[in-house]
N, C-alpha and C. Protein backbone atom coordinates (compact mmCIF):
# COMPACT_ATOMS: atom_id res chain seq x y z
N MET A 1 5.45 -22.66 20.51
CA MET A 1 5.40 -24.10 20.39
C MET A 1 4.06 -24.49 19.84
N SER A 2 4.06 -25.55 19.11
CA SER A 2 2.83 -26.02 18.52
C SER A 2 2.77 -27.55 18.57
N VAL A 3 1.61 -28.04 18.85
CA VAL A 3 1.36 -29.48 18.80
C VAL A 3 0.16 -29.68 17.87
N SER A 4 0.31 -30.58 16.94
CA SER A 4 -0.81 -30.87 16.04
C SER A 4 -0.89 -32.39 15.85
N PHE A 5 -2.05 -32.84 15.40
CA PHE A 5 -2.14 -34.27 15.08
C PHE A 5 -2.97 -34.45 13.82
N ASP A 6 -2.60 -35.49 13.09
CA ASP A 6 -3.28 -35.87 11.87
C ASP A 6 -3.30 -37.39 11.82
N ASP A 7 -4.46 -37.97 11.64
CA ASP A 7 -4.63 -39.41 11.70
C ASP A 7 -4.11 -39.91 13.04
N ASN A 8 -3.00 -40.68 13.03
CA ASN A 8 -2.47 -41.22 14.29
C ASN A 8 -1.10 -40.64 14.64
N CYS A 9 -0.77 -39.49 14.07
CA CYS A 9 0.55 -38.88 14.29
C CYS A 9 0.41 -37.56 15.05
N VAL A 10 1.12 -37.47 16.18
CA VAL A 10 1.19 -36.24 16.96
C VAL A 10 2.54 -35.59 16.65
N SER A 11 2.52 -34.35 16.19
CA SER A 11 3.74 -33.64 15.83
C SER A 11 3.99 -32.49 16.80
N VAL A 12 5.23 -32.36 17.24
CA VAL A 12 5.63 -31.33 18.18
C VAL A 12 6.62 -30.40 17.48
N TYR A 13 6.36 -29.09 17.54
CA TYR A 13 7.20 -28.09 16.89
C TYR A 13 7.69 -27.08 17.92
N GLY A 14 8.96 -26.72 17.86
CA GLY A 14 9.51 -25.69 18.74
C GLY A 14 9.89 -26.21 20.11
N ASP A 15 9.69 -25.37 21.13
CA ASP A 15 10.05 -25.70 22.51
C ASP A 15 8.86 -26.34 23.22
N LEU A 16 9.09 -27.48 23.84
CA LEU A 16 8.02 -28.20 24.54
C LEU A 16 7.80 -27.57 25.91
N THR A 17 6.59 -27.08 26.16
CA THR A 17 6.23 -26.47 27.44
C THR A 17 5.23 -27.37 28.17
N SER A 18 4.88 -27.00 29.39
CA SER A 18 3.89 -27.76 30.15
C SER A 18 2.55 -27.80 29.43
N GLU A 19 2.14 -26.66 28.88
CA GLU A 19 0.87 -26.60 28.16
C GLU A 19 0.90 -27.53 26.95
N ASP A 20 2.04 -27.60 26.30
CA ASP A 20 2.16 -28.45 25.12
C ASP A 20 2.08 -29.92 25.50
N ALA A 21 2.59 -30.28 26.65
CA ALA A 21 2.48 -31.67 27.11
C ALA A 21 1.01 -32.05 27.23
N TYR A 22 0.17 -31.15 27.74
CA TYR A 22 -1.26 -31.41 27.83
C TYR A 22 -1.88 -31.56 26.45
N ARG A 23 -1.39 -30.80 25.48
CA ARG A 23 -1.88 -30.94 24.10
C ARG A 23 -1.51 -32.31 23.53
N VAL A 24 -0.30 -32.79 23.87
CA VAL A 24 0.10 -34.13 23.44
C VAL A 24 -0.84 -35.16 24.07
N PHE A 25 -1.14 -35.00 25.37
CA PHE A 25 -2.06 -35.93 26.05
C PHE A 25 -3.42 -35.95 25.37
N SER A 26 -3.97 -34.77 25.10
CA SER A 26 -5.31 -34.74 24.51
C SER A 26 -5.28 -35.31 23.09
N SER A 27 -4.21 -35.08 22.36
CA SER A 27 -4.10 -35.63 21.00
C SER A 27 -4.04 -37.15 21.04
N THR A 28 -3.24 -37.71 21.95
CA THR A 28 -3.16 -39.17 22.04
C THR A 28 -4.49 -39.76 22.50
N HIS A 29 -5.19 -39.04 23.36
CA HIS A 29 -6.51 -39.51 23.79
C HIS A 29 -7.47 -39.59 22.61
N VAL A 30 -7.51 -38.55 21.81
CA VAL A 30 -8.39 -38.54 20.64
C VAL A 30 -8.01 -39.68 19.68
N ILE A 31 -6.70 -39.85 19.45
CA ILE A 31 -6.23 -40.87 18.52
C ILE A 31 -6.64 -42.27 18.97
N CYS A 32 -6.43 -42.58 20.24
CA CYS A 32 -6.69 -43.94 20.73
C CYS A 32 -8.12 -44.16 21.17
N GLU A 33 -8.63 -43.26 21.98
CA GLU A 33 -9.93 -43.49 22.61
C GLU A 33 -11.10 -43.11 21.71
N ILE A 34 -10.95 -42.09 20.90
CA ILE A 34 -12.07 -41.64 20.07
C ILE A 34 -11.98 -42.21 18.65
N LYS A 35 -10.79 -42.10 18.04
CA LYS A 35 -10.63 -42.61 16.68
C LYS A 35 -10.35 -44.10 16.62
N GLY A 36 -9.91 -44.69 17.74
CA GLY A 36 -9.73 -46.13 17.82
C GLY A 36 -8.45 -46.69 17.23
N TYR A 37 -7.46 -45.86 16.99
CA TYR A 37 -6.18 -46.35 16.47
C TYR A 37 -5.49 -47.20 17.53
N GLN A 38 -4.74 -48.19 17.10
CA GLN A 38 -3.95 -49.04 17.98
C GLN A 38 -2.46 -48.76 17.82
N ASP A 39 -2.13 -47.64 17.18
CA ASP A 39 -0.74 -47.21 17.06
C ASP A 39 -0.70 -45.69 17.05
N ILE A 40 0.35 -45.16 17.67
CA ILE A 40 0.56 -43.71 17.77
C ILE A 40 1.95 -43.40 17.26
N LYS A 41 2.06 -42.36 16.47
CA LYS A 41 3.37 -41.86 16.05
C LYS A 41 3.60 -40.54 16.77
N LEU A 42 4.69 -40.46 17.51
CA LEU A 42 5.07 -39.23 18.20
C LEU A 42 6.24 -38.63 17.42
N ASP A 43 5.99 -37.53 16.74
CA ASP A 43 6.97 -36.91 15.86
C ASP A 43 7.58 -35.69 16.55
N PHE A 44 8.80 -35.85 17.03
CA PHE A 44 9.53 -34.75 17.67
C PHE A 44 10.60 -34.19 16.74
N SER A 45 10.51 -34.48 15.45
CA SER A 45 11.57 -34.09 14.52
C SER A 45 11.80 -32.58 14.49
N HIS A 46 10.76 -31.78 14.71
CA HIS A 46 10.91 -30.32 14.67
C HIS A 46 10.90 -29.69 16.06
N CYS A 47 11.07 -30.51 17.08
CA CYS A 47 11.16 -30.01 18.45
C CYS A 47 12.56 -29.43 18.66
N ARG A 48 12.63 -28.25 19.29
CA ARG A 48 13.92 -27.60 19.53
C ARG A 48 14.42 -27.79 20.95
N LYS A 49 13.48 -27.81 21.91
CA LYS A 49 13.84 -28.01 23.33
C LYS A 49 12.77 -28.86 23.99
N ALA A 50 13.23 -29.75 24.84
CA ALA A 50 12.31 -30.59 25.61
C ALA A 50 12.88 -30.73 27.02
N PHE A 51 12.06 -30.49 28.01
CA PHE A 51 12.51 -30.51 29.39
C PHE A 51 11.99 -31.76 30.09
N SER A 52 12.74 -32.22 31.08
CA SER A 52 12.44 -33.51 31.69
C SER A 52 11.05 -33.63 32.31
N PRO A 53 10.50 -32.63 33.00
CA PRO A 53 9.16 -32.85 33.58
C PRO A 53 8.10 -33.16 32.52
N GLN A 54 8.14 -32.41 31.43
CA GLN A 54 7.17 -32.64 30.36
C GLN A 54 7.41 -33.99 29.67
N MET A 55 8.67 -34.31 29.42
CA MET A 55 8.98 -35.56 28.73
C MET A 55 8.67 -36.76 29.62
N MET A 56 8.90 -36.64 30.92
CA MET A 56 8.57 -37.75 31.82
C MET A 56 7.07 -38.02 31.80
N ALA A 57 6.28 -36.97 31.78
CA ALA A 57 4.82 -37.14 31.73
C ALA A 57 4.39 -37.77 30.42
N ILE A 58 4.97 -37.32 29.31
CA ILE A 58 4.63 -37.89 28.00
C ILE A 58 5.07 -39.35 27.93
N CYS A 59 6.25 -39.65 28.44
CA CYS A 59 6.73 -41.04 28.45
C CYS A 59 5.85 -41.93 29.31
N ALA A 60 5.40 -41.43 30.45
CA ALA A 60 4.51 -42.21 31.32
C ALA A 60 3.20 -42.50 30.61
N ARG A 61 2.67 -41.51 29.90
CA ARG A 61 1.42 -41.72 29.16
C ARG A 61 1.64 -42.73 28.04
N ALA A 62 2.76 -42.61 27.33
CA ALA A 62 3.08 -43.54 26.25
C ALA A 62 3.23 -44.96 26.79
N LEU A 63 3.88 -45.11 27.93
CA LEU A 63 4.05 -46.42 28.55
C LEU A 63 2.69 -47.02 28.93
N SER A 64 1.79 -46.20 29.42
CA SER A 64 0.45 -46.66 29.76
C SER A 64 -0.27 -47.19 28.53
N TYR A 65 -0.19 -46.44 27.43
CA TYR A 65 -0.81 -46.91 26.18
C TYR A 65 -0.13 -48.20 25.70
N TRP A 66 1.19 -48.25 25.80
CA TRP A 66 1.94 -49.42 25.35
C TRP A 66 1.52 -50.67 26.14
N LYS A 67 1.35 -50.51 27.46
CA LYS A 67 0.91 -51.64 28.29
C LYS A 67 -0.50 -52.10 27.92
N ASP A 68 -1.29 -51.19 27.34
CA ASP A 68 -2.64 -51.53 26.90
C ASP A 68 -2.66 -52.08 25.48
N GLY A 69 -1.48 -52.29 24.89
CA GLY A 69 -1.39 -52.90 23.57
C GLY A 69 -1.29 -51.94 22.40
N VAL A 70 -1.10 -50.65 22.67
CA VAL A 70 -0.96 -49.65 21.61
C VAL A 70 0.51 -49.55 21.23
N ASP A 71 0.79 -49.63 19.93
CA ASP A 71 2.17 -49.48 19.45
C ASP A 71 2.53 -48.00 19.42
N ILE A 72 3.74 -47.70 19.88
CA ILE A 72 4.23 -46.32 19.91
C ILE A 72 5.45 -46.22 19.01
N GLU A 73 5.44 -45.26 18.10
CA GLU A 73 6.58 -45.00 17.22
C GLU A 73 7.07 -43.58 17.50
N LEU A 74 8.37 -43.44 17.73
CA LEU A 74 8.97 -42.15 18.05
C LEU A 74 9.86 -41.69 16.90
N THR A 75 9.66 -40.48 16.45
CA THR A 75 10.56 -39.85 15.49
C THR A 75 11.41 -38.85 16.27
N LEU A 76 12.72 -39.08 16.27
CA LEU A 76 13.64 -38.25 17.05
C LEU A 76 13.79 -36.86 16.44
N PRO A 77 14.22 -35.89 17.26
CA PRO A 77 14.46 -34.54 16.76
C PRO A 77 15.56 -34.51 15.71
N ILE A 78 15.44 -33.59 14.78
CA ILE A 78 16.47 -33.38 13.76
C ILE A 78 17.75 -32.86 14.41
N ASP A 79 17.59 -32.00 15.41
CA ASP A 79 18.74 -31.46 16.14
C ASP A 79 19.50 -32.61 16.78
N GLN A 80 20.76 -32.77 16.40
CA GLN A 80 21.56 -33.92 16.84
C GLN A 80 21.76 -33.97 18.35
N ALA A 81 22.01 -32.83 18.96
CA ALA A 81 22.23 -32.80 20.42
C ALA A 81 20.97 -33.24 21.16
N LEU A 82 19.82 -32.73 20.73
CA LEU A 82 18.56 -33.10 21.37
C LEU A 82 18.22 -34.56 21.07
N SER A 83 18.52 -35.01 19.88
CA SER A 83 18.29 -36.41 19.52
C SER A 83 19.12 -37.35 20.42
N ARG A 84 20.38 -36.99 20.64
CA ARG A 84 21.22 -37.80 21.54
C ARG A 84 20.67 -37.80 22.96
N LEU A 85 20.15 -36.68 23.39
CA LEU A 85 19.56 -36.59 24.73
C LEU A 85 18.35 -37.53 24.85
N PHE A 86 17.52 -37.59 23.82
CA PHE A 86 16.39 -38.52 23.81
C PHE A 86 16.91 -39.95 23.93
N ILE A 87 17.91 -40.29 23.18
CA ILE A 87 18.45 -41.67 23.18
C ILE A 87 19.12 -41.99 24.52
N ASN A 88 19.92 -41.09 25.03
CA ASN A 88 20.65 -41.35 26.27
C ASN A 88 19.75 -41.37 27.50
N ALA A 89 18.61 -40.72 27.43
CA ALA A 89 17.69 -40.68 28.57
C ALA A 89 16.74 -41.87 28.56
N ASN A 90 16.85 -42.72 27.56
CA ASN A 90 15.95 -43.86 27.43
C ASN A 90 16.14 -44.84 28.57
């Protein structure tokens, strides 16, 4: 699994693990707190698996940023089954 960020976009590749969730947290921190962006793009298009504990933590962090006025944009996974899971779990 890999997590990377460029400008204000955090991209997730492969299977999302607990360690990767921490990488997403640190990336969003750098984007908002250090670089000063007021919008974050979370790109899960190349994510193959995502488990509820990690996603709940990421969603909680995103909600916290959203409440502070940061816009959050989500790119759903290309995999249709996983994309439906993201939508249905909303």
